Amino acid sequence: MWWNDGWGAWWFVMPLVMIGFWVAVIWVVVNLLRNRPGPTPTGRARPATPEEILAQRYARGEIDDDEYHRRLDTLRDAHPGAGP
């Protein structure tokens, strides 16, 4: 009974479903590729600023409080626009 109807109303629905499926697949692939972690667009990470390097050394315990603040003041005096 059901199969004797032929394509009936499905002749235009199936191509739309197929197009919708492929659009969804392409959308998922594009979003996965766009949002993946990786290098910066130039291919290189930006170099650390002198203040960041100093903060890292302080965090690792290579320098003490006095030396950190003294060097930080020196850096900020040498580059007035670099600090907060």
PDB file of N, CA and C in Angstrom:
ATOM      1  N   MET A   1       0.820  -1.193   0.000  1.00  0.00           N
ATOM      2  CA  MET A   1       0.000   0.000   0.000  1.00  0.00           C
ATOM      3  C   MET A   1       0.861   1.252   0.000  1.00  0.00           C
ATOM      4  N   TRP A   2       1.750   1.375   1.000  1.00  0.00           N
ATOM      5  CA  TRP A   2       2.584   2.556   1.109  1.00  0.00           C
ATOM      6  C   TRP A   2       3.532   2.694  -0.081  1.00  0.00           C
ATOM      7  N   TRP A   3       4.127   1.598  -0.511  1.00  0.00           N
ATOM      8  CA  TRP A   3       5.134   1.646  -1.555  1.00  0.00           C
ATOM      9  C   TRP A   3       4.527   1.830  -2.933  1.00  0.00           C
ATOM     10  N   ASN A   4       3.268   1.599  -3.109  1.00  0.00           N
ATOM     11  CA  ASN A   4       2.635   1.767  -4.408  1.00  0.00           C
ATOM     12  C   ASN A   4       2.437   3.229  -4.760  1.00  0.00           C
ATOM     13  N   ASP A   5       2.672   4.102  -3.805  1.00  0.00           N
ATOM     14  CA  ASP A   5       2.499   5.535  -4.020  1.00  0.00           C
ATOM     15  C   ASP A   5       3.630   6.127  -4.857  1.00  0.00           C
ATOM     16  N   GLY A   6       4.716   5.404  -5.012  1.00  0.00           N
ATOM     17  CA  GLY A   6       5.869   5.932  -5.732  1.00  0.00           C
ATOM     18  C   GLY A   6       6.585   6.969  -4.880  1.00  0.00           C
ATOM     19  N   TRP A   7       7.182   7.963  -5.530  1.00  0.00           N
ATOM     20  CA  TRP A   7       7.901   9.008  -4.808  1.00  0.00           C
ATOM     21  C   TRP A   7       6.942   9.929  -4.073  1.00  0.00           C
ATOM     22  N   GLY A   8       5.795  10.143  -4.602  1.00  0.00           N
ATOM     23  CA  GLY A   8       4.808  10.993  -3.937  1.00  0.00           C
ATOM     24  C   GLY A   8       5.376  12.358  -3.617  1.00  0.00           C
ATOM     25  N   ALA A   9       5.283  12.740  -2.354  1.00  0.00           N
ATOM     26  CA  ALA A   9       5.740  14.065  -1.928  1.00  0.00           C
ATOM     27  C   ALA A   9       7.218  14.079  -1.609  1.00  0.00           C
ATOM     28  N   TRP A  10       7.890  12.941  -1.627  1.00  0.00           N
ATOM     29  CA  TRP A  10       9.290  12.861  -1.244  1.00  0.00           C
ATOM     30  C   TRP A  10      10.252  13.287  -2.345  1.00  0.00           C
ATOM     31  N   TRP A  11       9.804  13.468  -3.550  1.00  0.00           N
ATOM     32  CA  TRP A  11      10.716  13.772  -4.643  1.00  0.00           C
ATOM     33  C   TRP A  11      11.419  15.113  -4.452  1.00  0.00           C
ATOM     34  N   PHE A  12      10.826  16.062  -3.726  1.00  0.00           N
ATOM     35  CA  PHE A  12      11.512  17.340  -3.501  1.00  0.00           C
ATOM     36  C   PHE A  12      12.077  17.436  -2.082  1.00  0.00           C
ATOM     37  N   VAL A  13      11.640  16.585  -1.166  1.00  0.00           N
ATOM     38  CA  VAL A  13      12.129  16.638   0.209  1.00  0.00           C
ATOM     39  C   VAL A  13      13.527  16.015   0.322  1.00  0.00           C
ATOM     40  N   MET A  14      13.756  14.916  -0.342  1.00  0.00           N
ATOM     41  CA  MET A  14      15.037  14.219  -0.221  1.00  0.00           C
ATOM     42  C   MET A  14      16.224  15.058  -0.698  1.00  0.00           C
ATOM     43  N   PRO A  15      16.142  15.750  -1.819  1.00  0.00           N
ATOM     44  CA  PRO A  15      17.286  16.613  -2.185  1.00  0.00           C
ATOM     45  C   PRO A  15      17.525  17.728  -1.162  1.00  0.00           C
ATOM     46  N   LEU A  16      16.465  18.275  -0.579  1.00  0.00           N
ATOM     47  CA  LEU A  16      16.636  19.314   0.441  1.00  0.00           C
ATOM     48  C   LEU A  16      17.315  18.750   1.689  1.00  0.00           C
ATOM     49  N   VAL A  17      16.935  17.543   2.076  1.00  0.00           N
ATOM     50  CA  VAL A  17      17.563  16.902   3.224  1.00  0.00           C
ATOM     51  C   VAL A  17      19.043  16.639   2.931  1.00  0.00           C
ATOM     52  N   MET A  18      19.341  16.190   1.730  1.00  0.00           N
ATOM     53  CA  MET A  18      20.729  15.917   1.358  1.00  0.00           C
ATOM     54  C   MET A  18      21.560  17.207   1.354  1.00  0.00           C
ATOM     55  N   ILE A  19      21.016  18.262   0.805  1.00  0.00           N
ATOM     56  CA  ILE A  19      21.730  19.553   0.798  1.00  0.00           C
ATOM     57  C   ILE A  19      21.927  20.040   2.228  1.00  0.00           C
ATOM     58  N   GLY A  20      20.903  19.940   3.056  1.00  0.00           N
ATOM     59  CA  GLY A  20      21.017  20.347   4.455  1.00  0.00           C
ATOM     60  C   GLY A  20      22.073  19.550   5.197  1.00  0.00           C
ATOM     61  N   PHE A  21      22.137  18.261   4.930  1.00  0.00           N
ATOM     62  CA  PHE A  21      23.140  17.410   5.562  1.00  0.00           C
ATOM     63  C   PHE A  21      24.547  17.870   5.199  1.00  0.00           C
ATOM     64  N   TRP A  22      24.799  18.100   3.918  1.00  0.00           N
ATOM     65  CA  TRP A  22      26.149  18.499   3.498  1.00  0.00           C
ATOM     66  C   TRP A  22      26.509  19.894   3.983  1.00  0.00           C
ATOM     67  N   VAL A  23      25.544  20.784   4.060  1.00  0.00           N
ATOM     68  CA  VAL A  23      25.809  22.117   4.619  1.00  0.00           C
ATOM     69  C   VAL A  23      26.209  21.984   6.090  1.00  0.00           C
ATOM     70  N   ALA A  24      25.509  21.128   6.833  1.00  0.00           N
ATOM     71  CA  ALA A  24      25.835  20.926   8.246  1.00  0.00           C
ATOM     72  C   ALA A  24      27.230  20.313   8.408  1.00  0.00           C
ATOM     73  N   VAL A  25      27.570  19.350   7.581  1.00  0.00           N
ATOM     74  CA  VAL A  25      28.896  18.717   7.659  1.00  0.00           C
ATOM     75  C   VAL A  25      29.990  19.746   7.371  1.00  0.00           C
ATOM     76  N   ILE A  26      29.810  20.542   6.341  1.00  0.00           N
ATOM     77  CA  ILE A  26      30.808  21.565   5.996  1.00  0.00           C
ATOM     78  C   ILE A  26      30.924  22.592   7.107  1.00  0.00           C
ATOM     79  N   TRP A  27      29.798  22.998   7.689  1.00  0.00           N
ATOM     80  CA  TRP A  27      29.804  23.985   8.771  1.00  0.00           C
ATOM     81  C   TRP A  27      30.584  23.453   9.978  1.00  0.00           C
ATOM     82  N   VAL A  28      30.365  22.189  10.338  1.00  0.00           N
ATOM     83  CA  VAL A  28      31.066  21.593  11.476  1.00  0.00           C
ATOM     84  C   VAL A  28      32.570  21.537  11.200  1.00  0.00           C
ATOM     85  N   VAL A  29      32.962  21.114  10.022  1.00  0.00           N
ATOM     86  CA  VAL A  29      34.392  21.007   9.690  1.00  0.00           C
ATOM     87  C   VAL A  29      35.055  22.386   9.718  1.00  0.00           C
ATOM     88  N   VAL A  30      34.412  23.383   9.145  1.00  0.00           N
ATOM     89  CA  VAL A  30      34.981  24.736   9.131  1.00  0.00           C
ATOM     90  C   VAL A  30      35.142  25.259  10.555  1.00  0.00           C
ATOM     91  N   ASN A  31      34.139  25.063  11.406  1.00  0.00           N
ATOM     92  CA  ASN A  31      34.244  25.542  12.784  1.00  0.00           C
ATOM     93  C   ASN A  31      35.301  24.786  13.581  1.00  0.00           C
ATOM     94  N   LEU A  32      35.457  23.507  13.337  1.00  0.00           N
ATOM     95  CA  LEU A  32      36.507  22.764  14.025  1.00  0.00           C
ATOM     96  C   LEU A  32      37.892  23.250  13.612  1.00  0.00           C
ATOM     97  N   LEU A  33      38.076  23.516  12.325  1.00  0.00           N
ATOM     98  CA  LEU A  33      39.377  23.985  11.850  1.00  0.00           C
ATOM     99  C   LEU A  33      39.661  25.410  12.297  1.00  0.00           C
ATOM    100  N   ARG A  34      38.638  26.244  12.357  1.00  0.00           N
ATOM    101  CA  ARG A  34      38.827  27.642  12.724  1.00  0.00           C
ATOM    102  C   ARG A  34      39.144  27.786  14.201  1.00  0.00           C
ATOM    103  N   ASN A  35      38.590  26.949  15.059  1.00  0.00           N
ATOM    104  CA  ASN A  35      38.725  27.107  16.499  1.00  0.00           C
ATOM    105  C   ASN A  35      39.785  26.207  17.119  1.00  0.00           C
ATOM    106  N   ARG A  36      40.585  25.545  16.316  1.00  0.00           N
ATOM    107  CA  ARG A  36      41.595  24.666  16.894  1.00  0.00           C
ATOM    108  C   ARG A  36      42.762  25.483  17.440  1.00  0.00           C
ATOM    109  N   PRO A  37      43.331  25.017  18.542  1.00  0.00           N
ATOM    110  CA  PRO A  37      44.480  25.732  19.078  1.00  0.00           C
ATOM    111  C   PRO A  37      45.696  25.512  18.199  1.00  0.00           C
ATOM    112  N   GLY A  38      46.548  26.479  18.153  1.00  0.00           N
ATOM    113  CA  GLY A  38      47.745  26.337  17.344  1.00  0.00           C
ATOM    114  C   GLY A  38      48.552  27.616  17.374  1.00  0.00           C
ATOM    115  N   PRO A  39      49.518  27.716  16.495  1.00  0.00           N
ATOM    116  CA  PRO A  39      50.350  28.920  16.473  1.00  0.00           C
ATOM    117  C   PRO A  39      49.538  30.128  16.018  1.00  0.00           C
ATOM    118  N   THR A  40      50.077  31.281  16.277  1.00  0.00           N
ATOM    119  CA  THR A  40      49.427  32.505  15.842  1.00  0.00           C
ATOM    120  C   THR A  40      49.371  32.528  14.318  1.00  0.00           C
ATOM    121  N   PRO A  41      48.528  33.373  13.729  1.00  0.00           N
ATOM    122  CA  PRO A  41      48.409  33.391  12.272  1.00  0.00           C
ATOM    123  C   PRO A  41      49.721  33.603  11.531  1.00  0.00           C
ATOM    124  N   THR A  42      50.675  34.262  12.155  1.00  0.00           N
ATOM    125  CA  THR A  42      51.962  34.479  11.489  1.00  0.00           C
ATOM    126  C   THR A  42      52.852  33.249  11.595  1.00  0.00           C
ATOM    127  N   GLY A  43      52.444  32.291  12.423  1.00  0.00           N
ATOM    128  CA  GLY A  43      53.237  31.083  12.584  1.00  0.00           C
ATOM    129  C   GLY A  43      54.220  31.155  13.732  1.00  0.00           C
ATOM    130  N   ARG A  44      54.324  32.311  14.361  1.00  0.00           N
ATOM    131  CA  ARG A  44      55.261  32.473  15.476  1.00  0.00           C
ATOM    132  C   ARG A  44      54.532  33.076  16.670  1.00  0.00           C
ATOM    133  N   ALA A  45      54.909  32.632  17.834  1.00  0.00           N
ATOM    134  CA  ALA A  45      54.377  33.240  19.049  1.00  0.00           C
ATOM    135  C   ALA A  45      55.085  34.573  19.258  1.00  0.00           C
ATOM    136  N   ARG A  46      54.363  35.521  19.819  1.00  0.00           N
ATOM    137  CA  ARG A  46      55.003  36.819  20.056  1.00  0.00           C
ATOM    138  C   ARG A  46      56.043  36.673  21.143  1.00  0.00           C
ATOM    139  N   PRO A  47      57.128  37.391  21.048  1.00  0.00           N
ATOM    140  CA  PRO A  47      58.166  37.283  22.075  1.00  0.00           C
ATOM    141  C   PRO A  47      57.678  37.889  23.393  1.00  0.00           C
ATOM    142  N   ALA A  48      58.163  37.352  24.492  1.00  0.00           N
ATOM    143  CA  ALA A  48      57.793  37.870  25.804  1.00  0.00           C
ATOM    144  C   ALA A  48      58.404  39.254  26.002  1.00  0.00           C
ATOM    145  N   THR A  49      57.645  40.117  26.650  1.00  0.00           N
ATOM    146  CA  THR A  49      58.159  41.460  26.953  1.00  0.00           C
ATOM    147  C   THR A  49      59.158  41.343  28.099  1.00  0.00           C
ATOM    148  N   PRO A  50      60.018  42.351  28.266  1.00  0.00           N
ATOM    149  CA  PRO A  50      60.971  42.311  29.384  1.00  0.00           C
ATOM    150  C   PRO A  50      60.279  42.190  30.743  1.00  0.00           C
ATOM    151  N   GLU A  51      59.115  42.839  30.909  1.00  0.00           N
ATOM    152  CA  GLU A  51      58.402  42.738  32.181  1.00  0.00           C
ATOM    153  C   GLU A  51      57.872  41.325  32.405  1.00  0.00           C
ATOM    154  N   GLU A  52      57.439  40.653  31.336  1.00  0.00           N
ATOM    155  CA  GLU A  52      56.967  39.276  31.466  1.00  0.00           C
ATOM    156  C   GLU A  52      58.112  38.339  31.838  1.00  0.00           C
ATOM    157  N   ILE A  53      59.263  38.550  31.228  1.00  0.00           N
ATOM    158  CA  ILE A  53      60.433  37.725  31.559  1.00  0.00           C
ATOM    159  C   ILE A  53      60.831  37.933  33.016  1.00  0.00           C
ATOM    160  N   LEU A  54      60.810  39.197  33.453  1.00  0.00           N
ATOM    161  CA  LEU A  54      61.137  39.506  34.841  1.00  0.00           C
ATOM    162  C   LEU A  54      60.134  38.857  35.798  1.00  0.00           C
ATOM    163  N   ALA A  55      58.858  38.916  35.460  1.00  0.00           N
ATOM    164  CA  ALA A  55      57.819  38.303  36.299  1.00  0.00           C
ATOM    165  C   ALA A  55      57.994  36.782  36.353  1.00  0.00           C
ATOM    166  N   GLN A  56      58.380  36.182  35.244  1.00  0.00           N
ATOM    167  CA  GLN A  56      58.611  34.736  35.229  1.00  0.00           C
ATOM    168  C   GLN A  56      59.790  34.368  36.131  1.00  0.00           C
ATOM    169  N   ARG A  57      60.853  35.147  36.058  1.00  0.00           N
ATOM    170  CA  ARG A  57      62.013  34.877  36.914  1.00  0.00           C
ATOM    171  C   ARG A  57      61.641  35.020  38.388  1.00  0.00           C
ATOM    172  N   TYR A  58      60.844  36.025  38.701  1.00  0.00           N
ATOM    173  CA  TYR A  58      60.380  36.225  40.078  1.00  0.00           C
ATOM    174  C   TYR A  58      59.506  35.057  40.528  1.00  0.00           C
ATOM    175  N   ALA A  59      58.621  34.601  39.650  1.00  0.00           N
ATOM    176  CA  ALA A  59      57.735  33.483  39.975  1.00  0.00           C
ATOM    177  C   ALA A  59      58.523  32.193  40.197  1.00  0.00           C
ATOM    178  N   ARG A  60      59.608  32.011  39.470  1.00  0.00           N
ATOM    179  CA  ARG A  60      60.432  30.804  39.638  1.00  0.00           C
ATOM    180  C   ARG A  60      61.339  30.892  40.861  1.00  0.00           C
ATOM    181  N   GLY A  61      61.414  32.064  41.468  1.00  0.00           N
ATOM    182  CA  GLY A  61      62.250  32.231  42.656  1.00  0.00           C
ATOM    183  C   GLY A  61      63.688  32.557  42.341  1.00  0.00           C
ATOM    184  N   GLU A  62      63.992  32.937  41.110  1.00  0.00           N
ATOM    185  CA  GLU A  62      65.373  33.259  40.741  1.00  0.00           C
ATOM    186  C   GLU A  62      65.819  34.594  41.321  1.00  0.00           C
ATOM    187  N   ILE A  63      64.868  35.498  41.559  1.00  0.00           N
ATOM    188  CA  ILE A  63      65.193  36.804  42.138  1.00  0.00           C
ATOM    189  C   ILE A  63      64.240  37.062  43.297  1.00  0.00           C
ATOM    190  N   ASP A  64      64.667  37.911  44.250  1.00  0.00           N
ATOM    191  CA  ASP A  64      63.826  38.204  45.412  1.00  0.00           C
ATOM    192  C   ASP A  64      62.981  39.459  45.167  1.00  0.00           C
ATOM    193  N   ASP A  65      62.191  39.822  46.186  1.00  0.00           N
ATOM    194  CA  ASP A  65      61.276  40.960  46.055  1.00  0.00           C
ATOM    195  C   ASP A  65      62.004  42.259  45.717  1.00  0.00           C
ATOM    196  N   ASP A  66      63.061  42.528  46.454  1.00  0.00           N
ATOM    197  CA  ASP A  66      63.785  43.789  46.258  1.00  0.00           C
ATOM    198  C   ASP A  66      64.354  43.889  44.850  1.00  0.00           C
ATOM    199  N   GLU A  67      64.971  42.801  44.391  1.00  0.00           N
ATOM    200  CA  GLU A  67      65.559  42.827  43.049  1.00  0.00           C
ATOM    201  C   GLU A  67      64.471  42.953  41.981  1.00  0.00           C
ATOM    202  N   TYR A  68      63.361  42.244  42.195  1.00  0.00           N
ATOM    203  CA  TYR A  68      62.253  42.329  41.225  1.00  0.00           C
ATOM    204  C   TYR A  68      61.756  43.764  41.094  1.00  0.00           C
ATOM    205  N   HIS A  69      61.469  44.400  42.217  1.00  0.00           N
ATOM    206  CA  HIS A  69      60.938  45.762  42.170  1.00  0.00           C
ATOM    207  C   HIS A  69      61.974  46.762  41.647  1.00  0.00           C
ATOM    208  N   ARG A  70      63.234  46.555  42.011  1.00  0.00           N
ATOM    209  CA  ARG A  70      64.287  47.449  41.511  1.00  0.00           C
ATOM    210  C   ARG A  70      64.397  47.346  39.989  1.00  0.00           C
ATOM    211  N   ARG A  71      64.421  46.120  39.473  1.00  0.00           N
ATOM    212  CA  ARG A  71      64.529  45.937  38.020  1.00  0.00           C
ATOM    213  C   ARG A  71      63.269  46.393  37.302  1.00  0.00           C
ATOM    214  N   LEU A  72      62.113  46.174  37.922  1.00  0.00           N
ATOM    215  CA  LEU A  72      60.857  46.623  37.319  1.00  0.00           C
ATOM    216  C   LEU A  72      60.829  48.145  37.209  1.00  0.00           C
ATOM    217  N   ASP A  73      61.271  48.825  38.266  1.00  0.00           N
ATOM    218  CA  ASP A  73      61.351  50.291  38.209  1.00  0.00           C
ATOM    219  C   ASP A  73      62.314  50.746  37.125  1.00  0.00           C
ATOM    220  N   THR A  74      63.442  50.057  36.994  1.00  0.00           N
ATOM    221  CA  THR A  74      64.424  50.393  35.961  1.00  0.00           C
ATOM    222  C   THR A  74      63.815  50.226  34.568  1.00  0.00           C
ATOM    223  N   LEU A  75      63.102  49.120  34.365  1.00  0.00           N
ATOM    224  CA  LEU A  75      62.462  48.894  33.065  1.00  0.00           C
ATOM    225  C   LEU A  75      61.425  49.964  32.759  1.00  0.00           C
ATOM    226  N   ARG A  76      60.632  50.311  33.729  1.00  0.00           N
ATOM    227  CA  ARG A  76      59.582  51.301  33.508  1.00  0.00           C
ATOM    228  C   ARG A  76      60.155  52.697  33.306  1.00  0.00           C
ATOM    229  N   ASP A  77      61.287  53.001  33.937  1.00  0.00           N
ATOM    230  CA  ASP A  77      61.933  54.297  33.715  1.00  0.00           C
ATOM    231  C   ASP A  77      62.523  54.370  32.323  1.00  0.00           C
ATOM    232  N   ALA A  78      63.035  53.246  31.831  1.00  0.00           N
ATOM    233  CA  ALA A  78      63.648  53.205  30.493  1.00  0.00           C
ATOM    234  C   ALA A  78      62.589  53.266  29.406  1.00  0.00           C
ATOM    235  N   HIS A  79      61.390  52.699  29.679  1.00  0.00           N
ATOM    236  CA  HIS A  79      60.289  52.674  28.710  1.00  0.00           C
ATOM    237  C   HIS A  79      59.031  53.206  29.400  1.00  0.00           C
ATOM    238  N   PRO A  80      58.845  54.511  29.458  1.00  0.00           N
ATOM    239  CA  PRO A  80      57.744  55.095  30.221  1.00  0.00           C
ATOM    240  C   PRO A  80      56.348  54.614  29.823  1.00  0.00           C
ATOM    241  N   GLY A  81      56.113  54.274  28.589  1.00  0.00           N
ATOM    242  CA  GLY A  81      54.781  53.849  28.164  1.00  0.00           C
ATOM    243  C   GLY A  81      54.532  52.365  28.314  1.00  0.00           C
ATOM    244  N   ALA A  82      55.472  51.597  28.859  1.00  0.00           N
ATOM    245  CA  ALA A  82      55.351  50.149  28.896  1.00  0.00           C
ATOM    246  C   ALA A  82      54.586  49.637  30.109  1.00  0.00           C
ATOM    247  N   GLY A  83      54.523  50.381  31.173  1.00  0.00           N
ATOM    248  CA  GLY A  83      53.909  49.874  32.396  1.00  0.00           C
ATOM    249  C   GLY A  83      52.501  50.369  32.586  1.00  0.00           C
ATOM    250  N   PRO A  84      51.812  49.860  33.650  1.00  0.00           N
ATOM    251  CA  PRO A  84      50.446  50.316  33.935  1.00  0.00           C
ATOM    252  C   PRO A  84      50.401  51.681  34.537  1.00  0.00           C
TER     253      PRO A  84
END
